[in-house]
C-alpha atoms as a PDB file:
ATOM      1  CA  MET A   1     -28.921  -0.508   7.463  1.00  0.00           C
ATOM      2  CA  GLU A   2     -29.843  -4.055   6.605  1.00  0.00           C
ATOM      3  CA  ASP A   3     -27.752  -6.868   8.343  1.00  0.00           C
ATOM      4  CA  ASP A   4     -24.909  -4.451   9.054  1.00  0.00           C
ATOM      5  CA  VAL A   5     -23.778  -4.668   5.353  1.00  0.00           C
ATOM      6  CA  CYS A   6     -22.287  -1.597   3.749  1.00  0.00           C
ATOM      7  CA  LYS A   7     -22.967  -1.396   0.102  1.00  0.00           C
ATOM      8  CA  HIS A   8     -20.138   1.250  -0.334  1.00  0.00           C
ATOM      9  CA  LEU A   9     -17.487  -1.090   1.151  1.00  0.00           C
ATOM     10  CA  GLU A  10     -18.807  -4.060  -0.791  1.00  0.00           C
ATOM     11  CA  ALA A  11     -18.507  -2.057  -4.108  1.00  0.00           C
ATOM     12  CA  ILE A  12     -14.736  -1.671  -3.652  1.00  0.00           C
ATOM     13  CA  LYS A  13     -13.101  -4.277  -5.874  1.00  0.00           C
ATOM     14  CA  THR A  14      -9.705  -2.825  -6.463  1.00  0.00           C
ATOM     15  CA  LEU A  15      -7.873  -0.545  -3.943  1.00  0.00           C
ATOM     16  CA  LYS A  16      -6.413   2.776  -4.874  1.00  0.00           C
ATOM     17  CA  HIS A  17      -3.137   3.245  -2.807  1.00  0.00           C
ATOM     18  CA  PRO A  18      -1.466   6.547  -2.076  1.00  0.00           C
ATOM     19  CA  LYS A  19       0.867   7.921  -4.717  1.00  0.00           C
ATOM     20  CA  ASP A  20       2.710   9.908  -2.065  1.00  0.00           C
ATOM     21  CA  TYR A  21       2.569   9.947   1.713  1.00  0.00           C
ATOM     22  CA  VAL A  22       1.420  13.582   2.068  1.00  0.00           C
ATOM     23  CA  CYS A  23      -1.957  15.331   2.520  1.00  0.00           C
ATOM     24  CA  GLU A  24      -2.415  16.906  -0.873  1.00  0.00           C
ATOM     25  CA  GLU A  25      -4.439  19.857   0.725  1.00  0.00           C
ATOM     26  CA  CYS A  26      -2.158  20.427   3.812  1.00  0.00           C
ATOM     27  CA  ILE A  27       0.843  20.692   1.394  1.00  0.00           C
ATOM     28  CA  LYS A  28      -0.794  23.621  -0.287  1.00  0.00           C
ATOM     29  CA  THR A  29      -1.226  25.565   2.893  1.00  0.00           C
ATOM     30  CA  HIS A  30       1.915  24.307   4.669  1.00  0.00           C
ATOM     31  CA  ASP A  31      -0.131  22.710   7.418  1.00  0.00           C
ATOM     32  CA  GLU A  32       0.636  19.445   9.251  1.00  0.00           C
ATOM     33  CA  TRP A  33      -1.254  16.320   9.538  1.00  0.00           C
ATOM     34  CA  MET A  34      -1.462  13.224  11.841  1.00  0.00           C
ATOM     35  CA  HIS A  35      -2.457  10.308   9.622  1.00  0.00           C
ATOM     36  CA  LEU A  36      -3.454   9.865   5.984  1.00  0.00           C
ATOM     37  CA  ARG A  37      -6.446   8.350   4.177  1.00  0.00           C
ATOM     38  CA  THR A  38      -6.780   7.620   0.420  1.00  0.00           C
ATOM     39  CA  CYS A  39     -10.187   8.128  -1.208  1.00  0.00           C
ATOM     40  CA  GLN A  40     -11.322   4.995  -3.070  1.00  0.00           C
ATOM     41  CA  THR A  41     -13.322   6.890  -5.638  1.00  0.00           C
ATOM     42  CA  CYS A  42     -10.700   9.387  -6.892  1.00  0.00           C
ATOM     43  CA  GLY A  43      -7.412   8.356  -5.300  1.00  0.00           C
ATOM     44  CA  VAL A  44      -6.652  11.576  -3.503  1.00  0.00           C
ATOM     45  CA  THR A  45      -4.634  11.226  -0.207  1.00  0.00           C
ATOM     46  CA  LEU A  46      -5.711  13.573   2.553  1.00  0.00           C
ATOM     47  CA  CYS A  47      -5.477  13.928   6.316  1.00  0.00           C
ATOM     48  CA  CYS A  48      -7.615  12.081   8.966  1.00  0.00           C
ATOM     49  CA  ASP A  49     -10.027  13.409  11.533  1.00  0.00           C
ATOM     50  CA  SER A  50      -7.256  13.511  14.155  1.00  0.00           C
ATOM     51  CA  SER A  51      -5.515  16.072  12.041  1.00  0.00           C
ATOM     52  CA  PRO A  52      -6.455  19.799  12.398  1.00  0.00           C
ATOM     53  CA  ASN A  53      -7.884  20.291   8.999  1.00  0.00           C
ATOM     54  CA  GLN A  54      -9.684  16.848   8.602  1.00  0.00           C
ATOM     55  CA  HIS A  55      -9.439  17.018   4.870  1.00  0.00           C
ATOM     56  CA  ALA A  56     -10.381  13.396   4.206  1.00  0.00           C
ATOM     57  CA  SER A  57     -13.832  13.479   5.827  1.00  0.00           C
ATOM     58  CA  LYS A  58     -14.484  16.967   4.345  1.00  0.00           C
ATOM     59  CA  HIS A  59     -13.662  15.562   0.964  1.00  0.00           C
ATOM     60  CA  ALA A  60     -15.979  12.527   1.545  1.00  0.00           C
ATOM     61  CA  LYS A  61     -18.807  14.850   2.396  1.00  0.00           C
ATOM     62  CA  GLU A  62     -18.394  17.492  -0.240  1.00  0.00           C
ATOM     63  CA  ALA A  63     -17.479  15.198  -3.163  1.00  0.00           C
ATOM     64  CA  GLY A  64     -19.804  12.362  -2.121  1.00  0.00           C
ATOM     65  CA  HIS A  65     -16.966   9.930  -2.025  1.00  0.00           C
ATOM     66  CA  PRO A  66     -17.838   7.605   0.800  1.00  0.00           C
ATOM     67  CA  VAL A  67     -14.805   5.179   1.213  1.00  0.00           C
ATOM     68  CA  VAL A  68     -11.210   5.635   2.200  1.00  0.00           C
ATOM     69  CA  ILE A  69      -8.393   3.262   3.085  1.00  0.00           C
ATOM     70  CA  SER A  70      -5.645   4.004   5.610  1.00  0.00           C
ATOM     71  CA  ALA A  71      -2.612   5.243   3.864  1.00  0.00           C
ATOM     72  CA  GLU A  72      -0.486   4.403   6.963  1.00  0.00           C
ATOM     73  CA  PRO A  73       2.139   1.799   6.432  1.00  0.00           C
ATOM     74  CA  GLY A  74       1.164  -1.478   7.955  1.00  0.00           C
ATOM     75  CA  GLU A  75      -2.619  -0.526   8.312  1.00  0.00           C
ATOM     76  CA  ARG A  76      -4.949  -2.519   6.121  1.00  0.00           C
ATOM     77  CA  TRP A  77      -8.554  -1.301   6.503  1.00  0.00           C
ATOM     78  CA  LEU A  78     -11.246   0.668   4.704  1.00  0.00           C
ATOM     79  CA  TRP A  79     -13.754   3.050   6.288  1.00  0.00           C
ATOM     80  CA  CYS A  80     -17.124   4.233   4.972  1.00  0.00           C
ATOM     81  CA  TYR A  81     -18.040   7.631   6.150  1.00  0.00           C
ATOM     82  CA  VAL A  82     -21.661   7.228   5.164  1.00  0.00           C
ATOM     83  CA  ASP A  83     -22.419   4.097   7.138  1.00  0.00           C
ATOM     84  CA  GLU A  84     -19.563   4.548   9.635  1.00  0.00           C
ATOM     85  CA  MET A  85     -18.251   1.025   9.028  1.00  0.00           C
ATOM     86  CA  MET A  86     -14.867  -0.463   8.744  1.00  0.00           C
ATOM     87  CA  ALA A  87     -13.548  -3.375   6.901  1.00  0.00           C
ATOM     88  CA  GLU A  88     -10.123  -5.086   6.844  1.00  0.00           C
ATOM     89  CA  TYR A  89      -8.439  -6.149   3.725  1.00  0.00           C
END
């Protein structure tokens, strides 16, 4: 990667925030989650990699949606799964 710049993070101009503070996939299966992430491509909120199901990273890989924001109150950062880079906002 050139100069440690992530084109996926740079492409985000408007943030999609969670509509609800639940993992949309864990709710369907009555599973629990640790922390939540919101996809910046489609807006779905899913559980993080510390959660048993790791829905957010699975979604990023399967859907090709590279960037999430933390949906946790007080956290203000984005993560790119492709380039494994973080940015604060």
